[in-house]
Amino acid sequence: MKLRSEIELTFRDFMIDSAKPTVKAEGVQKMDCLKIVKNYLYENGFDGLQNDAECGCDIHDLVPCGNDFSRCKPGYKLVPPEGTDCEFDFYICQSKDDRPWETE
């Protein structure tokens, strides 16, 4: 475990619109906040992020909107059955059993 004095973190390090958001620590690979989130999603079997505003993004294209993602939650990618008339090509949902295209 690193001591606080060994790690230099600033609020700016976690802002999505900063020029180079990085975490600086001795002996630790520099990584931006989205990479940390992406690694967490991958390591825990999630497919992307979603929030209550019907917004969802795939792990391969996290936060394409550039908005604040602090209220987003990990989720699973669900693809509607072929021939289903729905608004999106895929959904990121909290449960693999969700069927959001059935409520549209």
Protein backbone atom coordinates (compact mmCIF):
# COMPACT_ATOMS: atom_id res chain seq x y z
CA MET A 1 0.00 0.00 0.00
CA LYS A 2 1.37 3.41 -0.94
CA LEU A 3 1.43 6.28 1.46
CA ARG A 4 -0.48 9.41 0.54
CA SER A 5 2.81 11.27 0.12
CA GLU A 6 3.87 8.74 -2.52
CA ILE A 7 0.85 9.38 -4.74
CA GLU A 8 0.07 12.71 -6.35
CA LEU A 9 -3.59 13.08 -7.29
CA THR A 10 -5.44 16.23 -8.14
CA PHE A 11 -9.05 16.96 -9.05
CA ARG A 12 -7.85 17.84 -12.52
CA ASP A 13 -6.50 14.29 -12.94
CA PHE A 14 -10.05 12.99 -13.01
CA MET A 15 -11.69 15.57 -15.28
CA ILE A 16 -12.59 14.12 -18.64
CA ASP A 17 -11.89 17.35 -20.46
CA SER A 18 -8.41 17.94 -19.05
CA ALA A 19 -5.61 17.80 -21.58
CA LYS A 20 -3.85 14.78 -20.09
CA PRO A 21 -5.71 13.25 -17.14
CA THR A 22 -3.18 10.96 -15.49
CA VAL A 23 -2.49 9.43 -12.13
CA LYS A 24 1.15 9.94 -11.16
CA ALA A 25 2.79 7.51 -8.78
CA GLU A 26 6.30 6.11 -8.56
CA GLY A 27 6.56 2.70 -10.20
CA VAL A 28 2.97 2.81 -11.44
CA GLN A 29 2.05 3.03 -15.08
CA LYS A 30 0.36 6.33 -15.91
CA MET A 31 -3.30 5.78 -16.58
CA ASP A 32 -6.23 8.08 -17.16
CA CYS A 33 -9.56 7.73 -15.38
CA LEU A 34 -11.35 6.12 -18.33
CA LYS A 35 -8.66 3.44 -18.58
CA ILE A 36 -9.12 2.66 -14.89
CA VAL A 37 -12.90 2.36 -15.38
CA LYS A 38 -12.43 0.27 -18.53
CA ASN A 39 -10.09 -2.12 -16.71
CA TYR A 40 -12.59 -2.45 -13.85
CA LEU A 41 -15.42 -3.23 -16.27
CA TYR A 42 -13.35 -5.81 -18.13
CA GLU A 43 -12.00 -7.50 -15.00
CA ASN A 44 -15.50 -7.78 -13.50
CA GLY A 45 -17.31 -9.05 -16.60
CA PHE A 46 -19.22 -5.87 -17.51
CA ASP A 47 -19.78 -4.66 -21.07
CA GLY A 48 -20.13 -0.91 -20.57
CA LEU A 49 -21.67 1.94 -18.61
CA GLN A 50 -25.26 3.14 -18.28
CA ASN A 51 -27.18 5.71 -16.32
CA ASP A 52 -30.79 6.55 -15.55
CA ALA A 53 -30.99 9.01 -18.45
CA GLU A 54 -31.28 6.13 -20.97
CA CYS A 55 -27.66 6.59 -21.85
CA GLY A 56 -25.37 3.63 -22.37
CA CYS A 57 -21.95 3.14 -23.87
CA ASP A 58 -20.00 0.08 -24.89
CA ILE A 59 -16.69 -0.75 -23.20
CA HIS A 60 -14.94 -0.22 -26.54
CA ASP A 61 -16.25 3.34 -26.83
CA LEU A 62 -16.63 4.68 -23.30
CA VAL A 63 -18.15 8.13 -22.81
CA PRO A 64 -18.29 9.16 -26.49
CA CYS A 65 -20.56 12.03 -25.42
CA GLY A 66 -17.79 13.57 -23.30
CA ASN A 67 -20.24 14.17 -20.44
CA ASP A 68 -19.66 13.60 -16.74
CA PHE A 69 -19.80 9.84 -16.17
CA SER A 70 -19.61 9.89 -12.37
CA ARG A 71 -23.24 8.69 -12.04
CA CYS A 72 -22.91 5.90 -14.59
CA LYS A 73 -23.08 2.30 -13.43
CA PRO A 74 -21.52 -0.87 -14.85
CA GLY A 75 -23.84 -2.89 -17.02
CA TYR A 76 -24.26 -5.67 -19.55
CA LYS A 77 -24.66 -5.23 -23.29
CA LEU A 78 -27.93 -6.60 -24.61
CA VAL A 79 -28.77 -6.74 -28.32
CA PRO A 80 -32.44 -6.82 -29.35
CA PRO A 81 -33.52 -9.85 -31.38
CA GLU A 82 -33.22 -9.42 -35.14
CA GLY A 83 -36.31 -7.83 -36.64
CA THR A 84 -37.24 -6.02 -33.43
CA ASP A 85 -38.28 -2.42 -34.06
CA CYS A 86 -36.42 -0.43 -31.44
CA GLU A 87 -34.56 2.82 -31.06
CA PHE A 88 -31.05 1.45 -30.39
CA ASP A 89 -28.77 -1.27 -31.78
CA PHE A 90 -27.85 -2.31 -28.25
CA TYR A 91 -28.61 -1.47 -24.64
CA ILE A 92 -26.42 -1.42 -21.54
CA CYS A 93 -28.53 -2.76 -18.66
CA GLN A 94 -28.06 -3.52 -14.97
CA SER A 95 -29.26 -7.11 -15.41
CA LYS A 96 -28.72 -9.64 -18.18
CA ASP A 97 -32.43 -10.46 -17.86
CA ASP A 98 -33.61 -6.94 -18.80
CA ARG A 99 -35.49 -6.49 -22.09
CA PRO A 100 -35.78 -2.73 -22.59
CA TRP A 101 -36.96 -3.07 -26.20
CA GLU A 102 -40.16 -4.70 -24.91
CA THR A 103 -41.15 -1.52 -23.04
CA GLU A 104 -40.61 0.93 -25.92
